Amino acid sequence: MRYPFVMSVPHGSYQIPGEIGSSFALTEKEILESTDMGTRELFAALPVRAALWARWSRLVVDLNRGPMQRDPKGVIPEEDYYKRKIYPDDCRPDEQEVERRLQEYYWPYHNRLREALEDPEVKVLFDCHSLTGIGPAGAPDPFKWRKDIVLGNNGDLHGEIKPGLGMITCPGDILHMVKEAFAHFGFSVSINYPYSGGFITVHYGEKLALRGKMAVQIEINQDLYLDNVSLHLKMDKLAEISKRLHHVFREISRQL
């Protein structure tokens, strides 16, 4: 049995095409620090209708940005989350290179995602990310401890509409059901804090809502399975978390 979900993993890769990597100013470890480590292993392996994951690092193209977002942390970023420059000044991508990356790396992912969401059996899009255990300086929650799971539906701390953000991508009662499913299997959970949903959740969630479907952003705490010094996955911990996630999503599927 496959659960009626699409899992999107847009930041799970650390791979850099050779011709692009040669122009980077970042070290290998700094590139890893921009990777949602463990997300492909945890979420793309679930028995769902479709699972998509990025082939290339978000530093090459950020799939969770709108195609016209051209600021330093936009669709073709020029600085990472820690505000470090990705390129020396003389190697920054020009407009031609930006367009090339959109055509080669960005649109194929989103075209596959749109196609997957046309499946009439799909009920929920889960956009899957990971976050550090303590909020870094540039985050909405600097130097604060984070929950195991952060659920986002573009709403307030209760999962309801927050003025100024637009429509929610999943009804509040459904989001609370998802929260309880995670909590039942031992995860601490917050709603819309510190993140309430990025481009993929909001953009596709609005369209899904018109069809009686929904989108939810999930952030999982890397402290559950990652060595924060080496940035290597702890495989025994990862296997244990993976087993619990299978139970969580089976329960969510049962209640929808």
Protein backbone atom coordinates (compact mmCIF):
# COMPACT_ATOMS: atom_id res chain seq x y z
CA MET A 1 0.00 0.00 0.00
CA ARG A 2 1.27 3.47 -0.90
CA TYR A 3 0.21 6.42 1.20
CA PRO A 4 -1.67 9.16 -0.72
CA PHE A 5 1.17 11.65 -0.44
CA VAL A 6 3.81 13.34 -2.55
CA MET A 7 7.12 13.90 -0.75
CA SER A 8 9.28 16.77 -2.03
CA VAL A 9 12.91 17.00 -0.85
CA PRO A 10 14.33 20.16 -2.47
CA HIS A 11 17.42 20.74 -0.28
CA GLY A 12 18.68 17.21 0.36
CA SER A 13 21.67 17.20 -2.01
CA TYR A 14 25.19 18.54 -1.55
CA GLN A 15 26.32 17.76 -5.10
CA ILE A 16 27.75 20.61 -7.21
CA PRO A 17 28.31 20.31 -10.98
CA GLY A 18 32.05 20.49 -11.64
CA GLU A 19 31.99 23.58 -13.83
CA ILE A 20 30.03 25.45 -11.15
CA GLY A 21 31.92 24.15 -8.13
CA SER A 22 35.23 25.36 -9.54
CA SER A 23 33.98 28.93 -9.09
CA PHE A 24 32.78 28.48 -5.48
CA ALA A 25 34.39 30.32 -2.59
CA LEU A 26 32.99 27.88 0.01
CA THR A 27 34.69 24.85 1.54
CA GLU A 28 33.23 21.34 1.33
CA LYS A 29 32.03 21.58 4.93
CA GLU A 30 30.40 24.95 4.30
CA ILE A 31 28.55 23.41 1.37
CA LEU A 32 27.36 20.58 3.64
CA GLU A 33 26.08 23.16 6.12
CA SER A 34 23.60 24.33 3.46
CA THR A 35 22.31 20.78 2.95
CA ASP A 36 19.21 19.35 4.62
CA MET A 37 21.14 16.30 5.71
CA GLY A 38 19.10 13.12 6.10
CA THR A 39 15.96 14.33 4.37
CA ARG A 40 16.28 12.14 1.31
CA GLU A 41 17.06 9.07 3.41
CA LEU A 42 14.13 9.70 5.75
CA PHE A 43 11.34 11.04 3.56
CA ALA A 44 11.99 9.84 0.00
CA ALA A 45 12.07 6.22 1.19
CA LEU A 46 8.49 6.27 2.45
CA PRO A 47 5.89 4.21 0.50
CA VAL A 48 4.04 7.13 -1.08
CA ARG A 49 2.50 7.92 -4.47
CA ALA A 50 5.58 9.89 -5.53
CA ALA A 51 8.85 11.11 -3.99
CA LEU A 52 11.05 13.77 -5.58
CA TRP A 53 14.47 14.90 -4.46
CA ALA A 54 16.96 17.43 -5.71
CA ARG A 55 19.97 16.18 -7.63
CA TRP A 56 21.99 19.35 -6.95
CA SER A 57 22.71 21.53 -3.95
CA ARG A 58 20.46 24.48 -3.15
CA LEU A 59 23.59 26.62 -3.66
CA VAL A 60 23.39 25.78 -7.38
CA VAL A 61 19.65 26.43 -7.64
CA ASP A 62 17.17 26.79 -4.79
CA LEU A 63 14.09 24.83 -5.74
CA ASN A 64 12.18 26.30 -2.80
CA ARG A 65 12.26 29.82 -4.24
CA GLY A 66 10.12 31.45 -6.89
CA PRO A 67 11.79 31.59 -10.32
CA MET A 68 11.85 35.40 -10.26
CA GLN A 69 13.34 35.75 -6.77
CA ARG A 70 16.72 37.28 -7.57
CA ASP A 71 17.95 38.57 -4.19
CA PRO A 72 21.19 37.21 -2.61
CA LYS A 73 19.27 34.25 -1.17
CA GLY A 74 17.03 33.84 -4.18
CA VAL A 75 16.56 31.10 -6.74
CA ILE A 76 20.24 31.34 -7.79
CA PRO A 77 21.73 32.34 -4.44
CA GLU A 78 24.90 34.39 -4.04
CA GLU A 79 25.20 33.93 -0.28
CA ASP A 80 24.42 31.02 2.02
CA TYR A 81 22.27 30.94 5.15
CA TYR A 82 25.23 32.16 7.22
CA LYS A 83 25.62 35.18 4.89
CA ARG A 84 28.87 33.85 3.44
CA LYS A 85 29.55 34.71 -0.20
CA ILE A 86 29.19 31.68 -2.44
CA TYR A 87 31.35 33.17 -5.23
CA PRO A 88 34.28 35.56 -5.51
CA ASP A 89 33.05 38.87 -6.92
CA ASP A 90 34.38 38.10 -10.40
CA CYS A 91 32.58 34.72 -10.59
CA ARG A 92 29.01 35.69 -9.75
CA PRO A 93 26.46 34.18 -12.18
CA ASP A 94 25.34 36.58 -14.90
CA GLU A 95 21.79 36.66 -16.30
CA GLN A 96 22.63 34.14 -19.01
CA GLU A 97 23.94 31.69 -16.41
CA VAL A 98 20.89 32.26 -14.21
CA GLU A 99 18.59 31.42 -17.10
CA ARG A 100 20.66 28.34 -17.99
CA ARG A 101 20.37 26.97 -14.47
CA LEU A 102 16.65 27.59 -14.38
CA GLN A 103 16.16 25.65 -17.60
CA GLU A 104 18.53 22.81 -16.71
CA TYR A 105 17.98 22.37 -12.96
CA TYR A 106 14.90 24.27 -11.73
CA TRP A 107 12.08 23.69 -14.19
CA PRO A 108 12.56 19.92 -14.57
CA TYR A 109 11.99 19.45 -10.82
CA HIS A 110 8.91 21.64 -10.75
CA ASN A 111 7.52 20.06 -13.90
CA ARG A 112 7.84 16.61 -12.27
CA LEU A 113 6.26 17.94 -9.09
CA ARG A 114 3.26 19.38 -10.94
CA GLU A 115 2.81 16.09 -12.77
CA ALA A 116 2.95 14.11 -9.51
CA LEU A 117 0.31 16.35 -7.94
CA GLU A 118 -2.10 15.61 -10.80
CA ASP A 119 -2.46 12.05 -9.50
CA PRO A 120 -6.09 11.86 -8.30
CA GLU A 121 -5.04 9.56 -5.44
CA VAL A 122 -2.77 12.22 -3.89
CA LYS A 123 -4.22 14.02 -0.86
CA VAL A 124 -1.21 15.85 0.62
CA LEU A 125 2.05 17.36 -0.58
CA PHE A 126 4.72 17.22 2.13
CA ASP A 127 7.69 19.49 1.45
CA CYS A 128 10.49 18.05 3.55
CA HIS A 129 13.42 19.87 5.15
CA SER A 130 15.77 19.64 8.13
CA LEU A 131 17.04 22.28 10.51
CA THR A 132 19.80 22.68 13.07
CA GLY A 133 19.04 21.97 16.70
CA ILE A 134 19.68 25.56 17.74
CA GLY A 135 18.66 28.53 15.61
CA PRO A 136 21.66 30.24 13.99
CA ALA A 137 22.19 34.00 14.21
CA GLY A 138 20.32 34.79 11.00
CA ALA A 139 17.26 32.63 11.78
CA PRO A 140 13.88 33.82 13.10
CA ASP A 141 14.74 32.05 16.41
CA PRO A 142 18.43 32.84 16.99
CA PHE A 143 20.18 30.73 19.65
CA LYS A 144 16.97 28.99 20.73
CA TRP A 145 16.47 25.23 21.05
CA ARG A 146 14.13 23.76 18.47
CA LYS A 147 11.52 21.00 18.55
CA ASP A 148 12.06 17.66 16.81
CA ILE A 149 9.50 18.52 14.13
CA VAL A 150 8.27 21.84 12.77
CA LEU A 151 5.03 21.76 10.76
CA GLY A 152 4.13 24.66 8.48
CA ASN A 153 0.90 25.60 6.73
CA ASN A 154 1.53 29.34 6.17
CA GLY A 155 -0.45 30.16 9.29
CA ASP A 156 -0.07 31.20 12.90
CA LEU A 157 1.13 29.18 15.89
CA HIS A 158 -2.22 27.36 15.99
CA GLY A 159 -2.30 26.58 12.28
CA GLU A 160 -4.97 29.17 11.57
CA ILE A 161 -4.88 32.11 9.13
CA LYS A 162 -2.33 34.77 10.05
CA PRO A 163 -3.15 38.25 8.74
CA GLY A 164 -0.77 39.29 5.98
CA LEU A 165 0.35 35.78 4.99
CA GLY A 166 -2.57 34.80 2.78
CA MET A 167 -4.47 31.52 2.88
CA ILE A 168 -3.33 28.49 4.84
CA THR A 169 -2.25 25.44 2.87
CA CYS A 170 -3.78 22.87 5.21
CA PRO A 171 -6.81 23.20 7.53
CA GLY A 172 -5.87 23.78 11.16
CA ASP A 173 -7.65 20.67 12.42
CA ILE A 174 -5.82 18.47 9.91
CA LEU A 175 -2.51 20.05 10.87
CA HIS A 176 -3.20 19.30 14.53
CA MET A 177 -3.99 15.69 13.60
CA VAL A 178 -0.60 15.51 11.89
CA LYS A 179 1.01 17.03 14.98
CA GLU A 180 -0.63 14.44 17.23
CA ALA A 181 0.56 11.62 14.97
CA PHE A 182 4.15 12.78 15.35
CA ALA A 183 3.73 13.31 19.09
CA HIS A 184 2.24 9.81 19.52
CA PHE A 185 5.49 8.33 18.21
CA GLY A 186 7.71 10.38 20.48
CA PHE A 187 8.47 13.57 18.55
CA SER A 188 8.16 17.04 20.04
CA VAL A 189 6.34 19.31 17.57
CA SER A 190 5.83 23.01 16.91
CA ILE A 191 3.49 24.64 14.42
CA ASN A 192 4.67 27.43 12.09
CA TYR A 193 7.65 28.27 14.29
CA PRO A 194 10.32 29.10 13.39
CA TYR A 195 9.22 28.42 9.80
CA SER A 196 5.70 28.46 8.39
CA GLY A 197 6.32 27.30 4.82
CA GLY A 198 8.40 28.23 1.81
CA PHE A 199 7.67 28.68 -1.88
CA ILE A 200 6.81 25.06 -2.64
CA THR A 201 4.34 24.71 0.23
CA VAL A 202 2.62 28.04 -0.39
CA HIS A 203 2.65 28.04 -4.20
CA TYR A 204 1.36 24.50 -4.66
CA GLY A 205 -0.69 24.52 -1.46
CA GLU A 206 -2.90 27.34 -2.69
CA LYS A 207 -3.64 25.42 -5.88
CA LEU A 208 -4.21 22.14 -4.02
CA ALA A 209 -6.62 23.80 -1.58
CA LEU A 210 -8.90 24.70 -4.48
CA ARG A 211 -9.16 20.96 -5.21
CA GLY A 212 -9.82 19.94 -1.60
CA LYS A 213 -6.23 18.84 -1.08
CA MET A 214 -3.40 20.31 1.01
CA ALA A 215 0.31 20.97 1.48
CA VAL A 216 2.41 20.87 4.65
CA GLN A 217 6.04 21.81 5.18
CA ILE A 218 7.98 19.52 7.51
CA GLU A 219 11.29 20.40 9.16
CA ILE A 220 13.05 17.67 11.12
CA ASN A 221 15.70 18.45 13.73
CA GLN A 222 19.15 17.26 12.61
CA ASP A 223 20.19 16.66 16.22
CA LEU A 224 18.10 13.48 16.08
CA TYR A 225 20.53 11.75 13.71
CA LEU A 226 23.47 13.97 12.72
CA ASP A 227 26.97 14.37 14.16
CA ASN A 228 27.16 18.15 14.35
CA VAL A 229 30.97 18.22 14.19
CA SER A 230 31.65 15.92 11.23
CA LEU A 231 28.18 16.44 9.65
CA HIS A 232 28.03 12.68 9.11
CA LEU A 233 24.77 10.80 9.51
CA LYS A 234 24.50 8.48 12.51
CA MET A 235 23.12 5.49 10.67
CA ASP A 236 21.72 3.70 13.73
CA LYS A 237 19.83 6.82 14.77
CA LEU A 238 18.69 7.43 11.21
CA ALA A 239 17.28 3.89 10.97
CA GLU A 240 15.38 4.34 14.24
CA ILE A 241 13.92 7.69 13.13
CA SER A 242 13.00 6.21 9.75
CA LYS A 243 11.05 3.42 11.43
CA ARG A 244 9.13 5.91 13.57
CA LEU A 245 8.34 8.07 10.52
CA HIS A 246 6.83 5.06 8.75
CA HIS A 247 4.44 4.66 11.69
CA VAL A 248 3.65 8.39 11.69
CA PHE A 249 2.73 8.59 8.03
CA ARG A 250 0.79 5.35 8.15
CA GLU A 251 -1.29 6.88 10.96
CA ILE A 252 -1.79 10.14 9.04
CA SER A 253 -2.89 8.18 5.99
CA ARG A 254 -5.33 6.17 8.09
CA GLN A 255 -6.98 9.30 9.49
CA LEU A 256 -7.39 11.20 6.19
